[in-house]
Amino acid sequence: MADVKMDAEMLAFANDVAESIRQAKRGEFAAVHTPEMIAGYKARGRPVGTRKADTKQAVTVRYSPDVLEAFKATGPGWQARMNDALREWLGQHSPASV
């Protein structure tokens, strides 16, 4: 680097980089992640087998404004109440007969 001309800011940056490299070589700031260590890390997400079997499915559906307004007016949880109402209807009716 002796024959490269640098301004004071660039020289300070180069010195900082060099010091960072020395620190990493001493193991002060650089952590080496071996495959064995990585395998031991806790995986993100739900643990295997904890997902409910009866999870709900996201769908796009259109309702009449008055029906939607009536359910929304019941407050938080209106989607679950709509699901319960549909389930109750299915218990009393045969979808094939509709």
N, C-alpha and C. Protein backbone atom coordinates (compact mmCIF):
# COMPACT_ATOMS: atom_id res chain seq x y z
N MET A 1 0.81 -1.20 0.00
CA MET A 1 0.00 0.00 0.00
C MET A 1 0.85 1.26 0.00
N ALA A 2 2.14 1.11 0.07
CA ALA A 2 3.02 2.26 0.16
C ALA A 2 2.97 3.13 -1.08
N ASP A 3 2.80 2.56 -2.25
CA ASP A 3 2.82 3.36 -3.46
C ASP A 3 1.43 3.85 -3.87
N VAL A 4 0.39 3.57 -3.07
CA VAL A 4 -0.96 4.04 -3.35
C VAL A 4 -1.20 5.30 -2.53
N LYS A 5 -1.62 6.37 -3.21
CA LYS A 5 -1.88 7.63 -2.51
C LYS A 5 -3.33 7.63 -2.04
N MET A 6 -3.53 7.92 -0.73
CA MET A 6 -4.86 7.95 -0.15
C MET A 6 -5.04 9.22 0.65
N ASP A 7 -6.27 9.73 0.63
CA ASP A 7 -6.55 10.87 1.48
C ASP A 7 -6.73 10.36 2.93
N ALA A 8 -6.89 11.25 3.85
CA ALA A 8 -6.95 10.89 5.27
C ALA A 8 -8.12 9.97 5.58
N GLU A 9 -9.27 10.21 4.94
CA GLU A 9 -10.45 9.39 5.19
C GLU A 9 -10.24 7.96 4.69
N MET A 10 -9.67 7.82 3.50
CA MET A 10 -9.41 6.51 2.93
C MET A 10 -8.35 5.77 3.74
N LEU A 11 -7.35 6.48 4.22
CA LEU A 11 -6.31 5.88 5.03
C LEU A 11 -6.89 5.37 6.36
N ALA A 12 -7.76 6.15 6.96
CA ALA A 12 -8.41 5.72 8.20
C ALA A 12 -9.26 4.48 7.96
N PHE A 13 -9.96 4.45 6.83
CA PHE A 13 -10.78 3.29 6.49
C PHE A 13 -9.89 2.05 6.29
N ALA A 14 -8.80 2.20 5.57
CA ALA A 14 -7.88 1.08 5.33
C ALA A 14 -7.31 0.57 6.65
N ASN A 15 -6.97 1.47 7.56
CA ASN A 15 -6.46 1.06 8.87
C ASN A 15 -7.54 0.32 9.67
N ASP A 16 -8.78 0.79 9.59
CA ASP A 16 -9.89 0.12 10.28
C ASP A 16 -10.10 -1.29 9.73
N VAL A 17 -10.02 -1.43 8.43
CA VAL A 17 -10.19 -2.74 7.80
C VAL A 17 -9.06 -3.67 8.23
N ALA A 18 -7.85 -3.17 8.22
CA ALA A 18 -6.70 -3.97 8.63
C ALA A 18 -6.86 -4.42 10.08
N GLU A 19 -7.31 -3.53 10.96
CA GLU A 19 -7.51 -3.89 12.36
C GLU A 19 -8.62 -4.93 12.50
N SER A 20 -9.69 -4.78 11.72
CA SER A 20 -10.78 -5.76 11.75
C SER A 20 -10.27 -7.14 11.33
N ILE A 21 -9.41 -7.18 10.35
CA ILE A 21 -8.85 -8.45 9.89
C ILE A 21 -7.99 -9.07 10.99
N ARG A 22 -7.19 -8.25 11.66
CA ARG A 22 -6.36 -8.77 12.76
C ARG A 22 -7.24 -9.31 13.89
N GLN A 23 -8.31 -8.60 14.22
CA GLN A 23 -9.22 -9.06 15.27
C GLN A 23 -9.89 -10.37 14.86
N ALA A 24 -10.29 -10.47 13.62
CA ALA A 24 -10.92 -11.69 13.14
C ALA A 24 -9.96 -12.87 13.20
N LYS A 25 -8.70 -12.63 12.87
CA LYS A 25 -7.70 -13.69 12.93
C LYS A 25 -7.49 -14.16 14.37
N ARG A 26 -7.63 -13.25 15.33
CA ARG A 26 -7.50 -13.63 16.73
C ARG A 26 -8.79 -14.27 17.26
N GLY A 27 -9.85 -14.23 16.45
CA GLY A 27 -11.14 -14.81 16.86
C GLY A 27 -11.97 -13.90 17.73
N GLU A 28 -11.62 -12.64 17.78
CA GLU A 28 -12.34 -11.72 18.65
C GLU A 28 -13.73 -11.37 18.13
N PHE A 29 -13.87 -11.17 16.84
CA PHE A 29 -15.15 -10.76 16.30
C PHE A 29 -15.71 -11.73 15.27
N ALA A 30 -14.90 -12.63 14.81
CA ALA A 30 -15.36 -13.56 13.79
C ALA A 30 -15.65 -14.90 14.43
N ALA A 31 -16.84 -15.39 14.23
CA ALA A 31 -17.20 -16.71 14.73
C ALA A 31 -17.21 -17.67 13.54
N VAL A 32 -16.57 -18.79 13.72
CA VAL A 32 -16.55 -19.79 12.67
C VAL A 32 -17.71 -20.75 12.92
N HIS A 33 -18.54 -20.92 11.92
CA HIS A 33 -19.70 -21.79 12.04
C HIS A 33 -19.44 -23.06 11.27
N THR A 34 -19.17 -24.12 12.00
CA THR A 34 -18.92 -25.41 11.36
C THR A 34 -20.25 -26.09 11.06
N PRO A 35 -20.27 -27.04 10.14
CA PRO A 35 -21.52 -27.76 9.86
C PRO A 35 -22.11 -28.41 11.11
N GLU A 36 -21.24 -28.89 12.01
CA GLU A 36 -21.73 -29.51 13.24
C GLU A 36 -22.44 -28.49 14.13
N MET A 37 -21.85 -27.29 14.20
CA MET A 37 -22.48 -26.23 15.00
C MET A 37 -23.81 -25.83 14.40
N ILE A 38 -23.84 -25.68 13.09
CA ILE A 38 -25.06 -25.26 12.41
C ILE A 38 -26.17 -26.29 12.63
N ALA A 39 -25.82 -27.56 12.58
CA ALA A 39 -26.81 -28.63 12.78
C ALA A 39 -27.39 -28.56 14.19
N GLY A 40 -26.63 -28.03 15.14
CA GLY A 40 -27.10 -27.94 16.51
C GLY A 40 -27.95 -26.73 16.80
N TYR A 41 -28.01 -25.78 15.89
CA TYR A 41 -28.82 -24.58 16.11
C TYR A 41 -30.29 -24.95 16.10
N LYS A 42 -31.05 -24.25 16.89
CA LYS A 42 -32.48 -24.49 16.93
C LYS A 42 -33.11 -24.02 15.61
N ALA A 43 -33.91 -24.88 15.03
CA ALA A 43 -34.60 -24.53 13.79
C ALA A 43 -35.72 -23.55 14.08
N ARG A 44 -35.98 -22.68 13.14
CA ARG A 44 -37.09 -21.74 13.29
C ARG A 44 -38.38 -22.40 12.87
N GLY A 45 -39.48 -21.81 13.31
CA GLY A 45 -40.79 -22.32 12.92
C GLY A 45 -41.36 -23.28 13.96
N ARG A 46 -42.46 -23.85 13.62
CA ARG A 46 -43.14 -24.78 14.53
C ARG A 46 -42.39 -26.10 14.58
N PRO A 47 -42.32 -26.69 15.76
CA PRO A 47 -41.71 -28.02 15.85
C PRO A 47 -42.50 -29.02 15.01
N VAL A 48 -41.82 -29.98 14.47
CA VAL A 48 -42.45 -30.98 13.62
C VAL A 48 -43.53 -31.70 14.41
N GLY A 49 -44.70 -31.84 13.78
CA GLY A 49 -45.79 -32.57 14.41
C GLY A 49 -46.69 -31.75 15.31
N THR A 50 -46.47 -30.44 15.42
CA THR A 50 -47.30 -29.63 16.31
C THR A 50 -48.43 -28.93 15.56
N ARG A 51 -48.48 -29.07 14.28
CA ARG A 51 -49.54 -28.44 13.49
C ARG A 51 -50.84 -29.22 13.66
N LYS A 52 -51.92 -28.52 13.89
CA LYS A 52 -53.20 -29.17 14.06
C LYS A 52 -53.61 -29.84 12.76
N ALA A 53 -54.28 -30.97 12.89
CA ALA A 53 -54.73 -31.70 11.71
C ALA A 53 -55.89 -30.96 11.03
N ASP A 54 -56.67 -30.23 11.82
CA ASP A 54 -57.85 -29.56 11.27
C ASP A 54 -57.62 -28.07 11.01
N THR A 55 -56.46 -27.71 10.49
CA THR A 55 -56.20 -26.30 10.23
C THR A 55 -57.15 -25.79 9.16
N LYS A 56 -57.44 -24.53 9.25
CA LYS A 56 -58.37 -23.92 8.30
C LYS A 56 -57.64 -23.56 7.02
N GLN A 57 -58.40 -23.40 5.96
CA GLN A 57 -57.83 -23.06 4.66
C GLN A 57 -58.25 -21.65 4.28
N ALA A 58 -57.34 -20.90 3.73
CA ALA A 58 -57.64 -19.55 3.26
C ALA A 58 -58.32 -19.65 1.89
N VAL A 59 -59.42 -18.95 1.73
CA VAL A 59 -60.14 -18.93 0.46
C VAL A 59 -60.59 -17.50 0.17
N THR A 60 -60.94 -17.26 -1.06
CA THR A 60 -61.53 -15.97 -1.44
C THR A 60 -62.99 -16.24 -1.76
N VAL A 61 -63.86 -15.52 -1.09
CA VAL A 61 -65.30 -15.72 -1.27
C VAL A 61 -65.99 -14.36 -1.21
N ARG A 62 -67.11 -14.24 -1.88
CA ARG A 62 -67.85 -12.97 -1.90
C ARG A 62 -69.19 -13.17 -1.20
N TYR A 63 -69.52 -12.25 -0.28
CA TYR A 63 -70.78 -12.30 0.46
C TYR A 63 -71.58 -11.04 0.14
N SER A 64 -72.88 -11.12 0.32
CA SER A 64 -73.73 -9.95 0.18
C SER A 64 -73.35 -8.95 1.26
N PRO A 65 -73.41 -7.66 0.93
CA PRO A 65 -73.00 -6.64 1.91
C PRO A 65 -73.77 -6.73 3.23
N ASP A 66 -75.07 -7.04 3.17
CA ASP A 66 -75.85 -7.09 4.41
C ASP A 66 -75.43 -8.26 5.30
N VAL A 67 -75.09 -9.40 4.69
CA VAL A 67 -74.63 -10.56 5.47
C VAL A 67 -73.29 -10.24 6.12
N LEU A 68 -72.38 -9.68 5.35
CA LEU A 68 -71.06 -9.35 5.86
C LEU A 68 -71.15 -8.31 6.97
N GLU A 69 -71.99 -7.29 6.75
CA GLU A 69 -72.15 -6.24 7.75
C GLU A 69 -72.71 -6.81 9.06
N ALA A 70 -73.66 -7.73 8.96
CA ALA A 70 -74.27 -8.32 10.15
C ALA A 70 -73.23 -9.09 10.97
N PHE A 71 -72.39 -9.87 10.31
CA PHE A 71 -71.38 -10.63 11.04
C PHE A 71 -70.30 -9.70 11.60
N LYS A 72 -69.86 -8.70 10.82
CA LYS A 72 -68.84 -7.78 11.31
C LYS A 72 -69.36 -6.97 12.49
N ALA A 73 -70.64 -6.69 12.53
CA ALA A 73 -71.24 -5.91 13.62
C ALA A 73 -71.16 -6.65 14.95
N THR A 74 -70.95 -7.96 14.92
CA THR A 74 -70.86 -8.73 16.17
C THR A 74 -69.50 -8.56 16.84
N GLY A 75 -68.56 -7.88 16.17
CA GLY A 75 -67.28 -7.57 16.77
C GLY A 75 -66.19 -8.57 16.45
N PRO A 76 -65.06 -8.46 17.17
CA PRO A 76 -63.93 -9.37 16.92
C PRO A 76 -64.36 -10.83 17.01
N GLY A 77 -63.83 -11.62 16.10
CA GLY A 77 -64.18 -13.04 16.05
C GLY A 77 -65.33 -13.33 15.11
N TRP A 78 -65.72 -12.32 14.33
CA TRP A 78 -66.87 -12.53 13.44
C TRP A 78 -66.61 -13.61 12.40
N GLN A 79 -65.36 -13.77 11.99
CA GLN A 79 -65.06 -14.82 11.00
C GLN A 79 -65.31 -16.20 11.60
N ALA A 80 -64.91 -16.38 12.85
CA ALA A 80 -65.14 -17.67 13.52
C ALA A 80 -66.63 -17.92 13.69
N ARG A 81 -67.40 -16.87 14.02
CA ARG A 81 -68.84 -17.03 14.15
C ARG A 81 -69.49 -17.37 12.80
N MET A 82 -68.97 -16.78 11.72
CA MET A 82 -69.49 -17.11 10.40
C MET A 82 -69.18 -18.57 10.08
N ASN A 83 -67.99 -19.02 10.44
CA ASN A 83 -67.61 -20.41 10.23
C ASN A 83 -68.54 -21.34 11.02
N ASP A 84 -68.84 -20.96 12.28
CA ASP A 84 -69.74 -21.76 13.10
C ASP A 84 -71.14 -21.81 12.51
N ALA A 85 -71.61 -20.68 11.98
CA ALA A 85 -72.94 -20.65 11.37
C ALA A 85 -73.01 -21.54 10.14
N LEU A 86 -71.96 -21.51 9.33
CA LEU A 86 -71.92 -22.38 8.15
C LEU A 86 -71.87 -23.85 8.56
N ARG A 87 -71.09 -24.15 9.59
CA ARG A 87 -70.99 -25.53 10.08
C ARG A 87 -72.36 -26.00 10.60
N GLU A 88 -73.05 -25.12 11.33
CA GLU A 88 -74.38 -25.46 11.84
C GLU A 88 -75.35 -25.72 10.68
N TRP A 89 -75.28 -24.89 9.66
CA TRP A 89 -76.15 -25.08 8.50
C TRP A 89 -75.87 -26.43 7.84
N LEU A 90 -74.60 -26.78 7.72
CA LEU A 90 -74.24 -28.07 7.13
C LEU A 90 -74.76 -29.24 7.95
N GLY A 91 -74.84 -29.06 9.26
CA GLY A 91 -75.38 -30.11 10.12
C GLY A 91 -76.87 -30.33 9.92
N GLN A 92 -77.56 -29.30 9.44
CA GLN A 92 -79.01 -29.38 9.26
C GLN A 92 -79.43 -29.60 7.82
N HIS A 93 -78.51 -29.41 6.89
CA HIS A 93 -78.83 -29.51 5.47
C HIS A 93 -77.80 -30.40 4.76
N SER A 94 -78.23 -30.93 3.67
CA SER A 94 -77.30 -31.70 2.84
C SER A 94 -76.83 -30.80 1.71
N PRO A 95 -75.53 -30.58 1.59
CA PRO A 95 -75.04 -29.71 0.51
C PRO A 95 -75.45 -30.20 -0.87
N ALA A 96 -75.66 -31.49 -1.02
CA ALA A 96 -76.07 -32.04 -2.32
C ALA A 96 -77.47 -31.63 -2.70
N SER A 97 -78.30 -31.30 -1.70
CA SER A 97 -79.71 -30.95 -1.98
C SER A 97 -79.89 -29.47 -2.28
N VAL A 98 -78.87 -28.70 -2.22
CA VAL A 98 -78.98 -27.26 -2.45
C VAL A 98 -78.96 -26.94 -3.92
